[in-house]
Amino acid sequence: MLQKNRKSWIGKAWLFGLLTIFLVVTGCSAASPSSSTPAEQKTEQAVPQEKQELAFQDSAGTAITVKLPVERVVVLNRNTAEAIKLLGAEQYVLATGDTTVKNNPYLGFDSKPDVGETKQINLEQIISLKPQIVFAYTNRPDKTLEEKLEPAGIKVVRMNNYLPEQMDEELKLLGKIFDKSDKADEFLAWKHSIEKLLADRVAGIKEEDKKQVLALSAGFLNTNGGYRIFPSQSLDGKPGVGEGYATILAGGKDAADLQWNPAEASTTIMVDEEYVLKRNPEVITLHGTWLGGYNVKDTKPFEEALRHIMSTTSVSRLKAGQSKDIYFFYTNFVGSDKRYIGNLQLAKYLYPDKFQDIDSEQYAKEYFEKWLGVPYQGIWHYSFKDVQ
């Protein structure tokens, strides 16, 4: 009897335990988020996720942290404006400055506000646009930019996007800022293939066969009859200003013995006529934005400029003037963001036999049409050799 009652009691206890487990599991399921009420779900979804941050050092050496995503910027640097367009992030640009619309009309920023040139930046307008970041050159405008904008919660990021030793890392940084790292890597692979083509060709040029080249400001020579030189070296022995360093990359020698101070706002060093006559270059490259460009088709202004320079300056007394080994390059195509294309053309001017199979125009066309998504046109370089 006792045994029977004991079995009955054990059976009831087992049934009770099973029922308890069932109720606990059911209760837990009912309390899960998947079965919460619409009001509860709405409350949960309304809780914002913490924004990601990107910490980095800009090209001026300043430590900066920005919240991601970055979707509102002002660009006071036309080279950076082009890099942003190249990455496909142009929709985030609220306004530009630094003659971006004038000198880079193909970027499509003409409908955006222009906040002024370097020395006349409209800071009040920038603040009213409420950008997350303002991009500027490392050497301009001055620190007034930070003093006025940072108290308003606007980060100032300084980068150049034209100096040869900085360009790759700056593009990679922009890729991170705008979540376009894959596009940056893809473009850099294309760019490096062109640079390698040039480097492989010039590697075979003997030192004694290299041409002596002087890189000059075209506008200053034409207007003032004076000489402003783009040095190929910086004070610390690193690559100098793009227009000057192009001489080295294209297999030439810098006829000048000057070094550039990156802290200076100007990218040229003025010298007197005696200095140039003494250096007596075999080749002169002229650089600027007052000739050529995207919307230029007529070559007559180039011919007129040469005649003016030859008749009003001492260029005609130089080896380069006598042989007419004088070549003009629009700034961006040797001294700036498209130097790897312009350098190929410069090498072809210097050593036509060695580069006769190279067509730099095909790379220029690919750059505009594939990477910028705009038609290729304009005059970006010009040889004075055959001008009568």
Protein backbone atom coordinates (compact mmCIF):
# COMPACT_ATOMS: atom_id res chain seq x y z
CA MET A 1 0.00 0.00 0.00
CA LEU A 2 2.78 2.30 0.98
CA GLN A 3 4.67 1.41 -2.16
CA LYS A 4 1.59 2.19 -4.29
CA ASN A 5 1.07 5.60 -2.64
CA ARG A 6 4.74 6.36 -3.05
CA LYS A 7 4.55 5.68 -6.81
CA SER A 8 1.46 7.85 -7.08
CA TRP A 9 3.19 10.71 -5.28
CA ILE A 10 6.29 10.48 -7.53
CA GLY A 11 4.12 10.53 -10.64
CA LYS A 12 2.27 13.66 -9.50
CA ALA A 13 5.56 15.39 -8.63
CA TRP A 14 6.98 14.58 -12.05
CA LEU A 15 3.85 15.96 -13.76
CA PHE A 16 3.98 19.13 -11.65
CA GLY A 17 7.65 19.72 -12.52
CA LEU A 18 6.99 19.29 -16.22
CA LEU A 19 4.12 21.76 -16.06
CA THR A 20 6.32 24.30 -14.24
CA ILE A 21 9.03 24.07 -16.90
CA PHE A 22 6.44 24.58 -19.63
CA LEU A 23 5.08 27.71 -17.94
CA VAL A 24 8.58 29.19 -17.44
CA VAL A 25 9.54 28.62 -21.08
CA THR A 26 6.24 30.07 -22.30
CA GLY A 27 6.67 33.10 -20.06
CA CYS A 28 10.19 33.72 -21.34
CA SER A 29 8.99 33.47 -24.91
CA ALA A 30 6.20 35.94 -24.29
CA ALA A 31 8.66 38.42 -22.85
CA SER A 32 11.04 38.22 -25.83
CA PRO A 33 11.46 41.32 -28.11
CA SER A 34 9.97 39.46 -31.06
CA SER A 35 6.57 39.42 -29.41
CA SER A 36 6.70 42.88 -27.80
CA THR A 37 3.85 45.26 -28.40
CA PRO A 38 4.05 47.86 -31.23
CA ALA A 39 4.50 50.60 -28.62
CA GLU A 40 7.41 48.73 -27.04
CA GLN A 41 8.98 48.09 -30.44
CA LYS A 42 8.68 51.77 -31.35
CA THR A 43 10.38 52.77 -28.10
CA GLU A 44 13.21 50.32 -28.70
CA GLN A 45 13.75 51.47 -32.29
CA ALA A 46 13.75 55.12 -31.23
CA VAL A 47 16.87 54.62 -29.11
CA PRO A 48 19.67 56.02 -31.34
CA GLN A 49 22.77 53.97 -31.92
CA GLU A 50 26.02 55.64 -30.92
CA LYS A 51 27.65 57.24 -33.96
CA GLN A 52 30.99 55.87 -35.09
CA GLU A 53 34.03 58.09 -34.97
CA LEU A 54 37.12 58.34 -37.14
CA ALA A 55 40.35 59.55 -35.54
CA PHE A 56 43.23 60.61 -37.78
CA GLN A 57 46.02 63.12 -38.29
CA ASP A 58 45.68 65.55 -41.18
CA SER A 59 48.52 66.69 -43.43
CA ALA A 60 49.24 69.64 -41.13
CA GLY A 61 49.92 67.19 -38.29
CA THR A 62 46.74 67.99 -36.36
CA ALA A 63 44.96 65.18 -34.50
CA ILE A 64 41.28 65.20 -35.48
CA THR A 65 38.26 63.08 -34.60
CA VAL A 66 35.08 63.29 -36.68
CA LYS A 67 31.74 61.58 -36.27
CA LEU A 68 30.59 59.35 -39.08
CA PRO A 69 28.91 59.46 -41.47
CA VAL A 70 30.29 62.68 -42.92
CA GLU A 71 27.65 64.14 -45.23
CA ARG A 72 28.11 67.93 -45.02
CA VAL A 73 31.40 69.57 -46.04
CA VAL A 74 32.76 72.83 -47.44
CA VAL A 75 35.88 72.69 -49.61
CA LEU A 76 38.34 75.62 -49.73
CA ASN A 77 40.82 73.60 -51.76
CA ARG A 78 40.07 72.88 -55.41
CA ASN A 79 42.43 69.89 -55.44
CA THR A 80 40.49 68.30 -52.60
CA ALA A 81 37.24 69.19 -54.37
CA GLU A 82 38.44 67.17 -57.36
CA ALA A 83 39.51 64.26 -55.17
CA ILE A 84 36.05 64.18 -53.59
CA LYS A 85 34.44 64.17 -57.05
CA LEU A 86 36.79 61.38 -58.12
CA LEU A 87 35.63 59.25 -55.18
CA GLY A 88 31.98 59.83 -56.04
CA ALA A 89 31.23 61.81 -52.86
CA GLU A 90 30.41 65.16 -54.51
CA GLN A 91 26.83 65.08 -53.17
CA TYR A 92 28.19 65.92 -49.71
CA VAL A 93 29.78 69.21 -50.81
CA LEU A 94 27.72 72.19 -49.63
CA ALA A 95 29.98 74.93 -51.02
CA THR A 96 33.42 75.51 -52.51
CA GLY A 97 36.06 78.24 -52.58
CA ASP A 98 39.62 78.78 -53.89
CA THR A 99 38.57 79.36 -57.53
CA THR A 100 37.22 75.81 -57.78
CA VAL A 101 34.41 76.79 -60.11
CA LYS A 102 36.66 79.01 -62.25
CA ASN A 103 39.59 76.63 -62.68
CA ASN A 104 37.83 73.26 -62.33
CA PRO A 105 34.49 73.89 -64.09
CA TYR A 106 34.12 70.22 -65.01
CA LEU A 107 33.53 69.25 -61.37
CA GLY A 108 29.93 70.45 -61.51
CA PHE A 109 30.01 72.63 -58.38
CA ASP A 110 28.90 75.81 -60.17
CA SER A 111 25.40 75.56 -58.64
CA LYS A 112 26.86 75.49 -55.11
CA PRO A 113 27.66 78.63 -53.09
CA ASP A 114 31.17 80.07 -53.54
CA VAL A 115 32.52 81.17 -50.15
CA GLY A 116 35.43 83.11 -51.63
CA GLU A 117 39.10 82.89 -52.48
CA THR A 118 41.79 82.13 -49.94
CA LYS A 119 42.21 85.69 -48.59
CA GLN A 120 38.52 86.56 -48.72
CA ILE A 121 36.75 83.59 -47.14
CA ASN A 122 33.21 84.31 -45.98
CA LEU A 123 33.32 82.66 -42.56
CA GLU A 124 29.79 83.71 -41.63
CA GLN A 125 28.42 81.98 -44.72
CA ILE A 126 30.33 78.81 -43.90
CA ILE A 127 28.98 78.75 -40.34
CA SER A 128 25.43 79.26 -41.64
CA LEU A 129 25.78 76.16 -43.84
CA LYS A 130 26.57 74.03 -40.75
CA PRO A 131 29.14 71.71 -42.32
CA GLN A 132 30.76 68.92 -40.33
CA ILE A 133 34.13 69.55 -41.98
CA VAL A 134 35.83 72.38 -43.86
CA PHE A 135 38.73 71.22 -46.05
CA ALA A 136 41.62 73.66 -46.58
CA TYR A 137 45.25 73.64 -47.73
CA THR A 138 47.94 73.13 -45.09
CA ASN A 139 49.42 76.60 -45.69
CA ARG A 140 46.28 78.66 -46.37
CA PRO A 141 44.05 80.24 -45.15
CA ASP A 142 45.70 81.06 -41.82
CA LYS A 143 44.67 79.77 -38.38
CA THR A 144 41.81 82.26 -38.24
CA LEU A 145 39.87 79.46 -39.92
CA GLU A 146 40.20 77.20 -36.87
CA GLU A 147 39.68 80.06 -34.42
CA LYS A 148 36.33 80.97 -35.94
CA LEU A 149 34.97 77.60 -37.05
CA GLU A 150 35.92 75.16 -34.30
CA PRO A 151 33.91 76.99 -31.58
CA ALA A 152 30.91 76.44 -33.89
CA GLY A 153 31.56 72.69 -33.86
CA ILE A 154 33.08 72.64 -37.36
CA LYS A 155 36.24 70.61 -37.92
CA VAL A 156 38.99 72.07 -40.10
CA VAL A 157 40.88 69.36 -41.99
CA ARG A 158 44.00 70.51 -43.81
CA MET A 159 45.28 68.51 -46.77
CA ASN A 160 46.77 69.47 -50.13
CA ASN A 161 45.99 66.72 -52.65
CA TYR A 162 48.69 68.01 -55.00
CA LEU A 163 52.07 67.42 -53.35
CA PRO A 164 53.59 64.19 -54.67
CA GLU A 165 54.60 62.67 -51.33
CA GLN A 166 51.16 63.25 -49.77
CA MET A 167 48.60 62.55 -52.48
CA ASP A 168 48.13 58.81 -52.03
CA GLU A 169 47.67 58.93 -48.26
CA GLU A 170 45.37 61.93 -48.51
CA LEU A 171 43.12 60.13 -51.00
CA LYS A 172 43.03 57.09 -48.73
CA LEU A 173 42.02 59.34 -45.83
CA LEU A 174 39.22 60.90 -47.88
CA GLY A 175 38.12 57.36 -48.73
CA LYS A 176 37.75 56.61 -45.01
CA ILE A 177 36.00 59.90 -44.27
CA PHE A 178 33.38 59.36 -46.99
CA ASP A 179 33.23 55.54 -46.80
CA LYS A 180 34.80 55.26 -50.27
CA SER A 181 37.94 53.27 -49.47
CA ASP A 182 37.36 50.70 -52.23
CA LYS A 183 37.09 53.46 -54.84
CA ALA A 184 40.25 55.11 -53.53
CA ASP A 185 42.20 51.85 -53.74
CA GLU A 186 40.92 51.15 -57.25
CA PHE A 187 41.94 54.59 -58.50
CA LEU A 188 45.37 54.44 -56.88
CA ALA A 189 46.09 51.11 -58.57
CA TRP A 190 45.33 52.76 -61.95
CA LYS A 191 47.45 55.82 -61.11
CA HIS A 192 50.39 53.70 -59.95
CA SER A 193 50.39 51.73 -63.20
CA ILE A 194 50.96 54.98 -65.12
CA GLU A 195 53.67 56.11 -62.71
CA LYS A 196 55.43 52.75 -63.09
CA LEU A 197 55.33 53.04 -66.88
CA LEU A 198 57.13 56.38 -66.66
CA ALA A 199 59.60 55.25 -64.00
CA ASP A 200 60.58 52.18 -66.01
CA ARG A 201 61.25 54.28 -69.11
CA VAL A 202 63.31 57.04 -67.45
CA ALA A 203 65.36 54.49 -65.50
CA GLY A 204 67.32 53.81 -68.66
CA ILE A 205 68.34 57.44 -69.26
CA LYS A 206 72.02 58.02 -68.50
CA GLU A 207 72.86 60.86 -66.14
CA GLU A 208 74.93 62.67 -68.78
CA ASP A 209 72.01 62.52 -71.22
CA LYS A 210 69.45 64.12 -68.91
CA LYS A 211 68.14 67.54 -69.97
CA GLN A 212 68.58 70.60 -67.73
CA VAL A 213 65.09 72.00 -67.10
CA LEU A 214 63.90 75.19 -65.42
CA ALA A 215 60.26 75.25 -64.25
CA LEU A 216 58.81 78.78 -64.28
CA SER A 217 55.60 80.62 -63.51
CA ALA A 218 54.09 81.41 -66.91
CA GLY A 219 51.97 84.28 -65.69
CA PHE A 220 54.78 86.10 -63.87
CA LEU A 221 57.14 85.75 -66.81
CA ASN A 222 54.56 87.00 -69.28
CA THR A 223 53.20 89.85 -67.18
CA ASN A 224 56.22 91.03 -65.22
CA GLY A 225 59.09 89.74 -67.32
CA GLY A 226 60.54 88.20 -64.16
CA TYR A 227 61.42 84.72 -63.02
CA ARG A 228 59.58 82.75 -60.38
CA ILE A 229 60.96 79.23 -60.12
CA PHE A 230 59.17 76.09 -58.94
CA PRO A 231 61.89 74.19 -56.98
CA SER A 232 62.17 70.43 -57.35
CA GLN A 233 63.27 70.01 -53.72
CA SER A 234 62.03 71.06 -50.29
CA LEU A 235 64.23 72.28 -47.45
CA ASP A 236 64.55 68.80 -45.97
CA GLY A 237 65.55 67.23 -49.28
CA LYS A 238 62.12 65.77 -49.96
CA PRO A 239 60.28 66.29 -53.27
CA GLY A 240 59.50 69.93 -53.83
CA VAL A 241 56.67 71.70 -55.59
CA GLY A 242 54.92 69.56 -58.19
CA GLU A 243 55.85 71.71 -61.19
CA GLY A 244 59.52 71.48 -60.28
CA TYR A 245 59.56 67.87 -59.16
CA ALA A 246 57.97 66.90 -62.48
CA THR A 247 61.37 67.56 -64.05
CA ILE A 248 62.89 64.77 -61.95
CA LEU A 249 60.04 62.33 -62.54
CA ALA A 250 60.24 62.91 -66.30
CA GLY A 251 63.94 62.06 -66.36
CA GLY A 252 65.37 65.57 -66.38
CA LYS A 253 67.65 67.59 -64.09
CA ASP A 254 66.58 70.72 -62.22
CA ALA A 255 68.58 73.62 -63.64
CA ALA A 256 67.98 75.52 -60.40
CA ASP A 257 69.65 74.76 -57.05
CA LEU A 258 66.82 76.08 -54.87
CA GLN A 259 64.85 74.48 -52.05
CA TRP A 260 61.25 75.25 -51.19
CA ASN A 261 59.95 75.92 -47.69
CA PRO A 262 56.55 74.17 -47.38
CA ALA A 263 55.54 76.67 -44.69
CA GLU A 264 55.50 79.45 -47.27
CA ALA A 265 52.21 80.34 -48.92
CA SER A 266 53.91 80.79 -52.30
CA THR A 267 55.02 77.71 -54.22
CA THR A 268 57.63 79.67 -56.21
CA ILE A 269 60.91 81.42 -55.41
CA MET A 270 61.70 84.66 -57.22
CA VAL A 271 65.20 85.05 -58.65
CA ASP A 272 66.87 87.74 -60.69
CA GLU A 273 67.74 87.64 -64.37
CA GLU A 274 71.42 87.09 -63.67
CA TYR A 275 70.67 83.85 -61.82
CA VAL A 276 68.66 82.45 -64.74
CA LEU A 277 71.27 83.45 -67.34
CA LYS A 278 73.94 81.74 -65.27
CA ARG A 279 71.92 78.52 -64.94
CA ASN A 280 71.13 78.70 -68.70
CA PRO A 281 68.63 75.80 -68.97
CA GLU A 282 68.26 73.62 -72.06
CA VAL A 283 64.51 73.40 -71.52
CA ILE A 284 61.93 75.68 -69.93
CA THR A 285 58.57 74.51 -68.67
CA LEU A 286 55.94 77.17 -68.08
CA HIS A 287 53.12 76.56 -65.61
CA GLY A 288 49.92 78.37 -64.76
CA THR A 289 46.18 78.61 -65.23
CA TRP A 290 45.95 81.75 -67.37
CA LEU A 291 46.50 79.70 -70.55
CA GLY A 292 44.69 76.50 -71.41
CA GLY A 293 42.07 74.69 -69.40
CA TYR A 294 38.91 72.67 -69.83
CA ASN A 295 36.97 75.13 -71.99
CA VAL A 296 39.87 76.29 -74.19
CA LYS A 297 40.10 75.23 -77.84
CA ASP A 298 42.06 77.99 -79.57
CA THR A 299 45.90 77.83 -79.64
CA LYS A 300 46.40 81.45 -80.72
CA PRO A 301 46.78 82.77 -77.15
CA PHE A 302 49.71 80.36 -76.69
CA GLU A 303 51.45 81.65 -79.82
CA GLU A 304 50.89 85.26 -78.80
CA ALA A 305 52.28 84.57 -75.31
CA LEU A 306 55.45 83.06 -76.74
CA ARG A 307 56.06 86.03 -79.03
CA HIS A 308 55.53 88.41 -76.12
CA ILE A 309 57.90 86.49 -73.84
CA MET A 310 60.60 86.21 -76.48
CA SER A 311 60.46 89.93 -77.27
CA THR A 312 60.23 91.32 -73.73
CA THR A 313 62.36 88.99 -71.57
CA SER A 314 65.82 87.44 -71.59
CA VAL A 315 64.46 84.00 -72.44
CA SER A 316 65.66 84.45 -76.02
CA ARG A 317 69.24 84.51 -74.70
CA LEU A 318 68.93 81.11 -73.06
CA LYS A 319 69.64 77.74 -74.67
CA ALA A 320 65.97 76.89 -74.25
CA GLY A 321 64.89 80.12 -75.93
CA GLN A 322 67.22 79.65 -78.86
CA SER A 323 66.06 76.08 -79.53
CA LYS A 324 62.46 76.87 -78.54
CA ASP A 325 62.42 73.97 -76.13
CA ILE A 326 59.68 75.71 -74.17
CA TYR A 327 56.59 73.80 -73.05
CA PHE A 328 53.49 75.02 -71.31
CA PHE A 329 51.50 72.90 -68.84
CA TYR A 330 48.23 73.80 -67.19
CA THR A 331 48.97 73.65 -63.47
CA ASN A 332 46.93 70.55 -62.67
CA PHE A 333 48.63 68.51 -65.39
CA VAL A 334 52.16 68.60 -64.01
CA GLY A 335 52.19 70.56 -60.79
CA SER A 336 49.12 69.13 -59.21
CA ASP A 337 46.61 66.28 -59.05
CA LYS A 338 47.05 64.96 -62.62
CA ARG A 339 50.85 65.09 -62.68
CA TYR A 340 51.25 61.39 -63.45
CA ILE A 341 49.59 62.08 -66.82
CA GLY A 342 51.37 65.36 -67.54
CA ASN A 343 54.72 63.89 -66.52
CA LEU A 344 54.40 61.33 -69.29
CA GLN A 345 53.88 64.13 -71.78
CA LEU A 346 56.80 66.11 -70.36
CA ALA A 347 59.03 63.05 -70.74
CA LYS A 348 57.89 62.77 -74.34
CA TYR A 349 58.81 66.43 -74.95
CA LEU A 350 62.24 65.87 -73.39
CA TYR A 351 62.98 62.52 -75.02
CA PRO A 352 60.71 62.13 -78.06
CA ASP A 353 62.50 59.06 -79.41
CA LYS A 354 62.26 57.17 -76.14
CA PHE A 355 58.55 57.97 -75.67
CA GLN A 356 57.32 58.03 -79.27
CA ASP A 357 54.83 55.20 -78.61
CA ILE A 358 53.29 56.93 -75.58
CA ASP A 359 50.01 58.79 -75.96
CA SER A 360 49.36 60.73 -72.78
CA GLU A 361 46.02 61.90 -74.17
CA GLN A 362 44.54 58.42 -73.82
CA TYR A 363 45.21 58.53 -70.06
CA ALA A 364 43.80 62.03 -69.78
CA LYS A 365 40.64 60.91 -71.58
CA GLU A 366 40.28 57.91 -69.30
CA TYR A 367 40.75 60.09 -66.22
CA PHE A 368 37.99 62.53 -67.18
CA GLU A 369 35.53 60.07 -68.62
CA LYS A 370 35.97 57.05 -66.33
CA TRP A 371 36.96 58.58 -63.01
CA LEU A 372 35.28 61.99 -63.13
CA GLY A 373 32.41 60.96 -65.38
CA VAL A 374 32.64 64.03 -67.64
CA PRO A 375 33.62 64.50 -71.32
CA TYR A 376 37.31 65.01 -72.02
CA GLN A 377 38.19 68.30 -73.67
CA GLY A 378 40.43 71.37 -73.42
CA ILE A 379 44.10 72.23 -73.91
CA TRP A 380 46.28 71.08 -71.02
CA HIS A 381 49.79 71.31 -72.48
CA TYR A 382 51.41 73.02 -75.46
CA SER A 383 54.76 72.87 -77.24
CA PHE A 384 56.27 76.16 -78.49
CA LYS A 385 58.93 74.32 -80.48
CA ASP A 386 57.24 74.75 -83.87
CA VAL A 387 55.70 78.19 -83.34
CA GLN A 388 57.04 80.64 -85.91
